[in-house]
Amino acid sequence: MTNSSNLNFYLARVEQARAEAETATLDHVRERCRRSEAAWSALADRAIRSDKLRTAEANRKAEEIAEKRHEKHIHENRQENP
């Protein structure tokens, strides 16, 4: 899984940037905060996508191992009981 502390950090920065943008009185500061919010949000999204891909790959590998074990078990049973 994604290091939840990293994801939580990214999401906290998103909220912080959003709050700062809402309270900013200068346009250029508000825009900077919005860009920061977008960047942190992109990092959080990437972390979530990476986690999903890692999980899918781990599941695929586990299924592959289970299938090989099953095939080995069938092969062994055939040799014991011809």
PDB file of N, CA and C in Angstrom:
ATOM      1  N   MET A   1       0.830  -1.184   0.000  1.00  0.00           N
ATOM      2  CA  MET A   1       0.000   0.000   0.000  1.00  0.00           C
ATOM      3  C   MET A   1       0.869   1.240   0.000  1.00  0.00           C
ATOM      4  N   THR A   2       0.249   2.312  -0.423  1.00  0.00           N
ATOM      5  CA  THR A   2       0.939   3.595  -0.375  1.00  0.00           C
ATOM      6  C   THR A   2       1.283   3.904   1.063  1.00  0.00           C
ATOM      7  N   ASN A   3       2.456   4.472   1.235  1.00  0.00           N
ATOM      8  CA  ASN A   3       2.810   4.917   2.566  1.00  0.00           C
ATOM      9  C   ASN A   3       1.767   5.943   2.968  1.00  0.00           C
ATOM     10  N   SER A   4       0.879   5.557   3.895  1.00  0.00           N
ATOM     11  CA  SER A   4      -0.248   6.417   4.240  1.00  0.00           C
ATOM     12  C   SER A   4       0.209   7.752   4.804  1.00  0.00           C
ATOM     13  N   SER A   5       1.381   7.787   5.439  1.00  0.00           N
ATOM     14  CA  SER A   5       1.856   9.068   5.952  1.00  0.00           C
ATOM     15  C   SER A   5       2.197  10.008   4.802  1.00  0.00           C
ATOM     16  N   ASN A   6       2.748   9.462   3.683  1.00  0.00           N
ATOM     17  CA  ASN A   6       3.000  10.296   2.503  1.00  0.00           C
ATOM     18  C   ASN A   6       1.695  10.821   1.928  1.00  0.00           C
ATOM     19  N   LEU A   7       0.733   9.943   1.744  1.00  0.00           N
ATOM     20  CA  LEU A   7      -0.550  10.358   1.194  1.00  0.00           C
ATOM     21  C   LEU A   7      -1.210  11.388   2.108  1.00  0.00           C
ATOM     22  N   ASN A   8      -1.191  11.123   3.392  1.00  0.00           N
ATOM     23  CA  ASN A   8      -1.782  12.078   4.342  1.00  0.00           C
ATOM     24  C   ASN A   8      -1.069  13.420   4.287  1.00  0.00           C
ATOM     25  N   PHE A   9       0.252  13.388   4.119  1.00  0.00           N
ATOM     26  CA  PHE A   9       1.023  14.628   3.993  1.00  0.00           C
ATOM     27  C   PHE A   9       0.574  15.397   2.757  1.00  0.00           C
ATOM     28  N   TYR A  10       0.476  14.696   1.615  1.00  0.00           N
ATOM     29  CA  TYR A  10       0.050  15.350   0.377  1.00  0.00           C
ATOM     30  C   TYR A  10      -1.339  15.965   0.537  1.00  0.00           C
ATOM     31  N   LEU A  11      -2.251  15.202   1.111  1.00  0.00           N
ATOM     32  CA  LEU A  11      -3.619  15.694   1.270  1.00  0.00           C
ATOM     33  C   LEU A  11      -3.687  16.877   2.240  1.00  0.00           C
ATOM     34  N   ALA A  12      -2.854  16.851   3.262  1.00  0.00           N
ATOM     35  CA  ALA A  12      -2.804  17.984   4.192  1.00  0.00           C
ATOM     36  C   ALA A  12      -2.301  19.236   3.489  1.00  0.00           C
ATOM     37  N   ARG A  13      -1.300  19.066   2.612  1.00  0.00           N
ATOM     38  CA  ARG A  13      -0.780  20.214   1.859  1.00  0.00           C
ATOM     39  C   ARG A  13      -1.846  20.752   0.896  1.00  0.00           C
ATOM     40  N   VAL A  14      -2.653  19.858   0.300  1.00  0.00           N
ATOM     41  CA  VAL A  14      -3.748  20.291  -0.569  1.00  0.00           C
ATOM     42  C   VAL A  14      -4.682  21.200   0.223  1.00  0.00           C
ATOM     43  N   GLU A  15      -5.080  20.736   1.394  1.00  0.00           N
ATOM     44  CA  GLU A  15      -6.004  21.516   2.224  1.00  0.00           C
ATOM     45  C   GLU A  15      -5.375  22.832   2.683  1.00  0.00           C
ATOM     46  N   GLN A  16      -4.112  22.783   3.037  1.00  0.00           N
ATOM     47  CA  GLN A  16      -3.424  24.003   3.464  1.00  0.00           C
ATOM     48  C   GLN A  16      -3.376  25.026   2.330  1.00  0.00           C
ATOM     49  N   ALA A  17      -3.008  24.580   1.142  1.00  0.00           N
ATOM     50  CA  ALA A  17      -2.928  25.486  -0.003  1.00  0.00           C
ATOM     51  C   ALA A  17      -4.305  26.047  -0.342  1.00  0.00           C
ATOM     52  N   ARG A  18      -5.334  25.203  -0.259  1.00  0.00           N
ATOM     53  CA  ARG A  18      -6.706  25.648  -0.536  1.00  0.00           C
ATOM     54  C   ARG A  18      -7.121  26.732   0.464  1.00  0.00           C
ATOM     55  N   ALA A  19      -6.841  26.487   1.736  1.00  0.00           N
ATOM     56  CA  ALA A  19      -7.200  27.460   2.775  1.00  0.00           C
ATOM     57  C   ALA A  19      -6.442  28.771   2.578  1.00  0.00           C
ATOM     58  N   GLU A  20      -5.167  28.672   2.240  1.00  0.00           N
ATOM     59  CA  GLU A  20      -4.375  29.884   2.018  1.00  0.00           C
ATOM     60  C   GLU A  20      -4.885  30.661   0.808  1.00  0.00           C
ATOM     61  N   ALA A  21      -5.299  29.937  -0.221  1.00  0.00           N
ATOM     62  CA  ALA A  21      -5.845  30.609  -1.409  1.00  0.00           C
ATOM     63  C   ALA A  21      -7.129  31.351  -1.071  1.00  0.00           C
ATOM     64  N   GLU A  22      -7.963  30.730  -0.245  1.00  0.00           N
ATOM     65  CA  GLU A  22      -9.236  31.348   0.122  1.00  0.00           C
ATOM     66  C   GLU A  22      -9.054  32.607   0.956  1.00  0.00           C
ATOM     67  N   THR A  23      -7.983  32.671   1.721  1.00  0.00           N
ATOM     68  CA  THR A  23      -7.769  33.840   2.585  1.00  0.00           C
ATOM     69  C   THR A  23      -6.819  34.867   1.975  1.00  0.00           C
ATOM     70  N   ALA A  24      -6.211  34.531   0.855  1.00  0.00           N
ATOM     71  CA  ALA A  24      -5.250  35.456   0.233  1.00  0.00           C
ATOM     72  C   ALA A  24      -5.972  36.700  -0.283  1.00  0.00           C
ATOM     73  N   THR A  25      -5.376  37.832  -0.040  1.00  0.00           N
ATOM     74  CA  THR A  25      -5.969  39.081  -0.519  1.00  0.00           C
ATOM     75  C   THR A  25      -5.328  39.550  -1.822  1.00  0.00           C
ATOM     76  N   LEU A  26      -4.144  39.062  -2.112  1.00  0.00           N
ATOM     77  CA  LEU A  26      -3.452  39.442  -3.341  1.00  0.00           C
ATOM     78  C   LEU A  26      -3.665  38.367  -4.410  1.00  0.00           C
ATOM     79  N   ASP A  27      -3.962  38.806  -5.621  1.00  0.00           N
ATOM     80  CA  ASP A  27      -4.234  37.872  -6.718  1.00  0.00           C
ATOM     81  C   ASP A  27      -3.071  36.925  -6.974  1.00  0.00           C
ATOM     82  N   HIS A  28      -1.854  37.454  -7.006  1.00  0.00           N
ATOM     83  CA  HIS A  28      -0.714  36.599  -7.329  1.00  0.00           C
ATOM     84  C   HIS A  28      -0.455  35.559  -6.228  1.00  0.00           C
ATOM     85  N   VAL A  29      -0.755  35.901  -4.991  1.00  0.00           N
ATOM     86  CA  VAL A  29      -0.613  34.947  -3.889  1.00  0.00           C
ATOM     87  C   VAL A  29      -1.686  33.870  -4.011  1.00  0.00           C
ATOM     88  N   ARG A  30      -2.904  34.292  -4.320  1.00  0.00           N
ATOM     89  CA  ARG A  30      -4.001  33.331  -4.487  1.00  0.00           C
ATOM     90  C   ARG A  30      -3.679  32.359  -5.626  1.00  0.00           C
ATOM     91  N   GLU A  31      -3.173  32.868  -6.740  1.00  0.00           N
ATOM     92  CA  GLU A  31      -2.809  32.015  -7.869  1.00  0.00           C
ATOM     93  C   GLU A  31      -1.680  31.050  -7.505  1.00  0.00           C
ATOM     94  N   ARG A  32      -0.694  31.532  -6.768  1.00  0.00           N
ATOM     95  CA  ARG A  32       0.400  30.664  -6.334  1.00  0.00           C
ATOM     96  C   ARG A  32      -0.139  29.535  -5.462  1.00  0.00           C
ATOM     97  N   CYS A  33      -1.061  29.870  -4.571  1.00  0.00           N
ATOM     98  CA  CYS A  33      -1.656  28.853  -3.704  1.00  0.00           C
ATOM     99  C   CYS A  33      -2.460  27.839  -4.514  1.00  0.00           C
ATOM    100  N   ARG A  34      -3.169  28.308  -5.529  1.00  0.00           N
ATOM    101  CA  ARG A  34      -3.937  27.393  -6.385  1.00  0.00           C
ATOM    102  C   ARG A  34      -3.010  26.453  -7.159  1.00  0.00           C
ATOM    103  N   ARG A  35      -1.890  26.978  -7.630  1.00  0.00           N
ATOM    104  CA  ARG A  35      -0.910  26.118  -8.323  1.00  0.00           C
ATOM    105  C   ARG A  35      -0.334  25.084  -7.355  1.00  0.00           C
ATOM    106  N   SER A  36      -0.067  25.529  -6.134  1.00  0.00           N
ATOM    107  CA  SER A  36       0.447  24.612  -5.120  1.00  0.00           C
ATOM    108  C   SER A  36      -0.581  23.525  -4.804  1.00  0.00           C
ATOM    109  N   GLU A  37      -1.817  23.931  -4.673  1.00  0.00           N
ATOM    110  CA  GLU A  37      -2.900  22.972  -4.416  1.00  0.00           C
ATOM    111  C   GLU A  37      -2.962  21.931  -5.531  1.00  0.00           C
ATOM    112  N   ALA A  38      -2.874  22.385  -6.774  1.00  0.00           N
ATOM    113  CA  ALA A  38      -2.931  21.468  -7.914  1.00  0.00           C
ATOM    114  C   ALA A  38      -1.742  20.512  -7.913  1.00  0.00           C
ATOM    115  N   ALA A  39      -0.558  21.024  -7.577  1.00  0.00           N
ATOM    116  CA  ALA A  39       0.638  20.170  -7.569  1.00  0.00           C
ATOM    117  C   ALA A  39       0.538  19.107  -6.476  1.00  0.00           C
ATOM    118  N   TRP A  40       0.121  19.500  -5.283  1.00  0.00           N
ATOM    119  CA  TRP A  40      -0.008  18.523  -4.188  1.00  0.00           C
ATOM    120  C   TRP A  40      -1.103  17.500  -4.509  1.00  0.00           C
ATOM    121  N   SER A  41      -2.167  17.971  -5.130  1.00  0.00           N
ATOM    122  CA  SER A  41      -3.248  17.067  -5.508  1.00  0.00           C
ATOM    123  C   SER A  41      -2.759  16.047  -6.534  1.00  0.00           C
ATOM    124  N   ALA A  42      -1.946  16.493  -7.481  1.00  0.00           N
ATOM    125  CA  ALA A  42      -1.388  15.577  -8.479  1.00  0.00           C
ATOM    126  C   ALA A  42      -0.500  14.526  -7.814  1.00  0.00           C
ATOM    127  N   LEU A  43       0.283  14.938  -6.824  1.00  0.00           N
ATOM    128  CA  LEU A  43       1.130  13.972  -6.100  1.00  0.00           C
ATOM    129  C   LEU A  43       0.273  12.943  -5.368  1.00  0.00           C
ATOM    130  N   ALA A  44      -0.800  13.400  -4.748  1.00  0.00           N
ATOM    131  CA  ALA A  44      -1.691  12.473  -4.040  1.00  0.00           C
ATOM    132  C   ALA A  44      -2.338  11.498  -5.026  1.00  0.00           C
ATOM    133  N   ASP A  45      -2.795  12.027  -6.161  1.00  0.00           N
ATOM    134  CA  ASP A  45      -3.403  11.163  -7.183  1.00  0.00           C
ATOM    135  C   ASP A  45      -2.404  10.125  -7.689  1.00  0.00           C
ATOM    136  N   ARG A  46      -1.173  10.556  -7.912  1.00  0.00           N
ATOM    137  CA  ARG A  46      -0.136   9.640  -8.392  1.00  0.00           C
ATOM    138  C   ARG A  46       0.136   8.551  -7.356  1.00  0.00           C
ATOM    139  N   ALA A  47       0.172   8.931  -6.090  1.00  0.00           N
ATOM    140  CA  ALA A  47       0.411   7.950  -5.028  1.00  0.00           C
ATOM    141  C   ALA A  47      -0.718   6.917  -4.983  1.00  0.00           C
ATOM    142  N   ILE A  48      -1.938   7.376  -5.153  1.00  0.00           N
ATOM    143  CA  ILE A  48      -3.086   6.464  -5.143  1.00  0.00           C
ATOM    144  C   ILE A  48      -3.038   5.528  -6.345  1.00  0.00           C
ATOM    145  N   ARG A  49      -2.745   6.084  -7.536  1.00  0.00           N
ATOM    146  CA  ARG A  49      -2.638   5.240  -8.738  1.00  0.00           C
ATOM    147  C   ARG A  49      -1.527   4.209  -8.590  1.00  0.00           C
ATOM    148  N   SER A  50      -0.390   4.641  -8.068  1.00  0.00           N
ATOM    149  CA  SER A  50       0.739   3.716  -7.880  1.00  0.00           C
ATOM    150  C   SER A  50       0.359   2.594  -6.935  1.00  0.00           C
ATOM    151  N   ASP A  51      -0.354   2.947  -5.886  1.00  0.00           N
ATOM    152  CA  ASP A  51      -0.794   1.934  -4.926  1.00  0.00           C
ATOM    153  C   ASP A  51      -1.715   0.918  -5.598  1.00  0.00           C
ATOM    154  N   LYS A  52      -2.625   1.402  -6.427  1.00  0.00           N
ATOM    155  CA  LYS A  52      -3.547   0.489  -7.121  1.00  0.00           C
ATOM    156  C   LYS A  52      -2.781  -0.436  -8.064  1.00  0.00           C
ATOM    157  N   LEU A  53      -1.795   0.119  -8.776  1.00  0.00           N
ATOM    158  CA  LEU A  53      -0.992  -0.704  -9.681  1.00  0.00           C
ATOM    159  C   LEU A  53      -0.178  -1.742  -8.910  1.00  0.00           C
ATOM    160  N   ARG A  54       0.417  -1.337  -7.790  1.00  0.00           N
ATOM    161  CA  ARG A  54       1.188  -2.286  -6.963  1.00  0.00           C
ATOM    162  C   ARG A  54       0.288  -3.396  -6.438  1.00  0.00           C
ATOM    163  N   THR A  55      -0.899  -3.035  -6.002  1.00  0.00           N
ATOM    164  CA  THR A  55      -1.838  -4.027  -5.488  1.00  0.00           C
ATOM    165  C   THR A  55      -2.264  -4.994  -6.585  1.00  0.00           C
ATOM    166  N   ALA A  56      -2.564  -4.464  -7.757  1.00  0.00           N
ATOM    167  CA  ALA A  56      -2.960  -5.324  -8.884  1.00  0.00           C
ATOM    168  C   ALA A  56      -1.833  -6.276  -9.264  1.00  0.00           C
ATOM    169  N   GLU A  57      -0.606  -5.783  -9.291  1.00  0.00           N
ATOM    170  CA  GLU A  57       0.539  -6.633  -9.641  1.00  0.00           C
ATOM    171  C   GLU A  57       0.763  -7.707  -8.576  1.00  0.00           C
ATOM    172  N   ALA A  58       0.635  -7.334  -7.317  1.00  0.00           N
ATOM    173  CA  ALA A  58       0.791  -8.315  -6.235  1.00  0.00           C
ATOM    174  C   ALA A  58      -0.285  -9.391  -6.337  1.00  0.00           C
ATOM    175  N   ASN A  59      -1.515  -8.993  -6.643  1.00  0.00           N
ATOM    176  CA  ASN A  59      -2.605  -9.962  -6.802  1.00  0.00           C
ATOM    177  C   ASN A  59      -2.344 -10.888  -7.984  1.00  0.00           C
ATOM    178  N   ARG A  60      -1.853 -10.317  -9.086  1.00  0.00           N
ATOM    179  CA  ARG A  60      -1.548 -11.127 -10.265  1.00  0.00           C
ATOM    180  C   ARG A  60      -0.482 -12.165  -9.939  1.00  0.00           C
ATOM    181  N   LYS A  61       0.560 -11.743  -9.234  1.00  0.00           N
ATOM    182  CA  LYS A  61       1.632 -12.660  -8.870  1.00  0.00           C
ATOM    183  C   LYS A  61       1.133 -13.738  -7.910  1.00  0.00           C
ATOM    184  N   ALA A  62       0.296 -13.351  -6.963  1.00  0.00           N
ATOM    185  CA  ALA A  62      -0.247 -14.327  -6.019  1.00  0.00           C
ATOM    186  C   ALA A  62      -1.106 -15.360  -6.745  1.00  0.00           C
ATOM    187  N   GLU A  63      -1.907 -14.914  -7.709  1.00  0.00           N
ATOM    188  CA  GLU A  63      -2.726 -15.845  -8.490  1.00  0.00           C
ATOM    189  C   GLU A  63      -1.859 -16.780  -9.316  1.00  0.00           C
ATOM    190  N   GLU A  64      -0.782 -16.242  -9.871  1.00  0.00           N
ATOM    191  CA  GLU A  64       0.142 -17.050 -10.665  1.00  0.00           C
ATOM    192  C   GLU A  64       0.785 -18.131  -9.790  1.00  0.00           C
ATOM    193  N   ILE A  65       1.211 -17.762  -8.598  1.00  0.00           N
ATOM    194  CA  ILE A  65       1.820 -18.729  -7.670  1.00  0.00           C
ATOM    195  C   ILE A  65       0.800 -19.787  -7.266  1.00  0.00           C
ATOM    196  N   ALA A  66      -0.425 -19.355  -6.956  1.00  0.00           N
ATOM    197  CA  ALA A  66      -1.466 -20.303  -6.561  1.00  0.00           C
ATOM    198  C   ALA A  66      -1.767 -21.280  -7.693  1.00  0.00           C
ATOM    199  N   GLU A  67      -1.797 -20.767  -8.914  1.00  0.00           N
ATOM    200  CA  GLU A  67      -2.060 -21.630 -10.070  1.00  0.00           C
ATOM    201  C   GLU A  67      -0.942 -22.660 -10.245  1.00  0.00           C
ATOM    202  N   LYS A  68       0.304 -22.221 -10.099  1.00  0.00           N
ATOM    203  CA  LYS A  68       1.430 -23.147 -10.227  1.00  0.00           C
ATOM    204  C   LYS A  68       1.394 -24.210  -9.135  1.00  0.00           C
ATOM    205  N   ARG A  69       1.059 -23.802  -7.919  1.00  0.00           N
ATOM    206  CA  ARG A  69       0.961 -24.775  -6.824  1.00  0.00           C
ATOM    207  C   ARG A  69      -0.144 -25.777  -7.097  1.00  0.00           C
ATOM    208  N   HIS A  70      -1.260 -25.287  -7.612  1.00  0.00           N
ATOM    209  CA  HIS A  70      -2.381 -26.171  -7.930  1.00  0.00           C
ATOM    210  C   HIS A  70      -1.981 -27.167  -9.012  1.00  0.00           C
ATOM    211  N   GLU A  71      -1.320 -26.674 -10.062  1.00  0.00           N
ATOM    212  CA  GLU A  71      -0.863 -27.561 -11.134  1.00  0.00           C
ATOM    213  C   GLU A  71       0.128 -28.591 -10.608  1.00  0.00           C
ATOM    214  N   LYS A  72       1.022 -28.170  -9.717  1.00  0.00           N
ATOM    215  CA  LYS A  72       2.002 -29.088  -9.136  1.00  0.00           C
ATOM    216  C   LYS A  72       1.285 -30.156  -8.313  1.00  0.00           C
ATOM    217  N   HIS A  73       0.285 -29.737  -7.548  1.00  0.00           N
ATOM    218  CA  HIS A  73      -0.479 -30.664  -6.720  1.00  0.00           C
ATOM    219  C   HIS A  73      -1.191 -31.695  -7.602  1.00  0.00           C
ATOM    220  N   ILE A  74      -1.803 -31.248  -8.684  1.00  0.00           N
ATOM    221  CA  ILE A  74      -2.482 -32.168  -9.601  1.00  0.00           C
ATOM    222  C   ILE A  74      -1.474 -33.144 -10.202  1.00  0.00           C
ATOM    223  N   HIS A  75      -0.331 -32.650 -10.628  1.00  0.00           N
ATOM    224  CA  HIS A  75       0.707 -33.486 -11.221  1.00  0.00           C
ATOM    225  C   HIS A  75       1.193 -34.536 -10.213  1.00  0.00           C
ATOM    226  N   GLU A  76       1.414 -34.126  -8.964  1.00  0.00           N
ATOM    227  CA  GLU A  76       1.861 -35.055  -7.935  1.00  0.00           C
ATOM    228  C   GLU A  76       0.810 -36.129  -7.660  1.00  0.00           C
ATOM    229  N   ASN A  77      -0.472 -35.739  -7.637  1.00  0.00           N
ATOM    230  CA  ASN A  77      -1.537 -36.701  -7.397  1.00  0.00           C
ATOM    231  C   ASN A  77      -1.634 -37.706  -8.536  1.00  0.00           C
ATOM    232  N   ARG A  78      -1.409 -37.270  -9.752  1.00  0.00           N
ATOM    233  CA  ARG A  78      -1.448 -38.191 -10.890  1.00  0.00           C
ATOM    234  C   ARG A  78      -0.314 -39.194 -10.807  1.00  0.00           C
ATOM    235  N   GLN A  79       0.854 -38.758 -10.328  1.00  0.00           N
ATOM    236  CA  GLN A  79       1.984 -39.669 -10.217  1.00  0.00           C
ATOM    237  C   GLN A  79       1.764 -40.679  -9.095  1.00  0.00           C
ATOM    238  N   GLU A  80       1.084 -40.263  -8.020  1.00  0.00           N
ATOM    239  CA  GLU A  80       0.829 -41.167  -6.910  1.00  0.00           C
ATOM    240  C   GLU A  80      -0.313 -42.125  -7.220  1.00  0.00           C
ATOM    241  N   ASN A  81      -1.273 -41.677  -8.011  1.00  0.00           N
ATOM    242  CA  ASN A  81      -2.444 -42.489  -8.340  1.00  0.00           C
ATOM    243  C   ASN A  81      -2.611 -42.612  -9.844  1.00  0.00           C
ATOM    244  N   PRO A  82      -1.776 -43.406 -10.488  1.00  0.00           N
ATOM    245  CA  PRO A  82      -1.859 -43.515 -11.966  1.00  0.00           C
ATOM    246  C   PRO A  82      -3.122 -44.155 -12.458  1.00  0.00           C
TER     247      PRO A  82
END
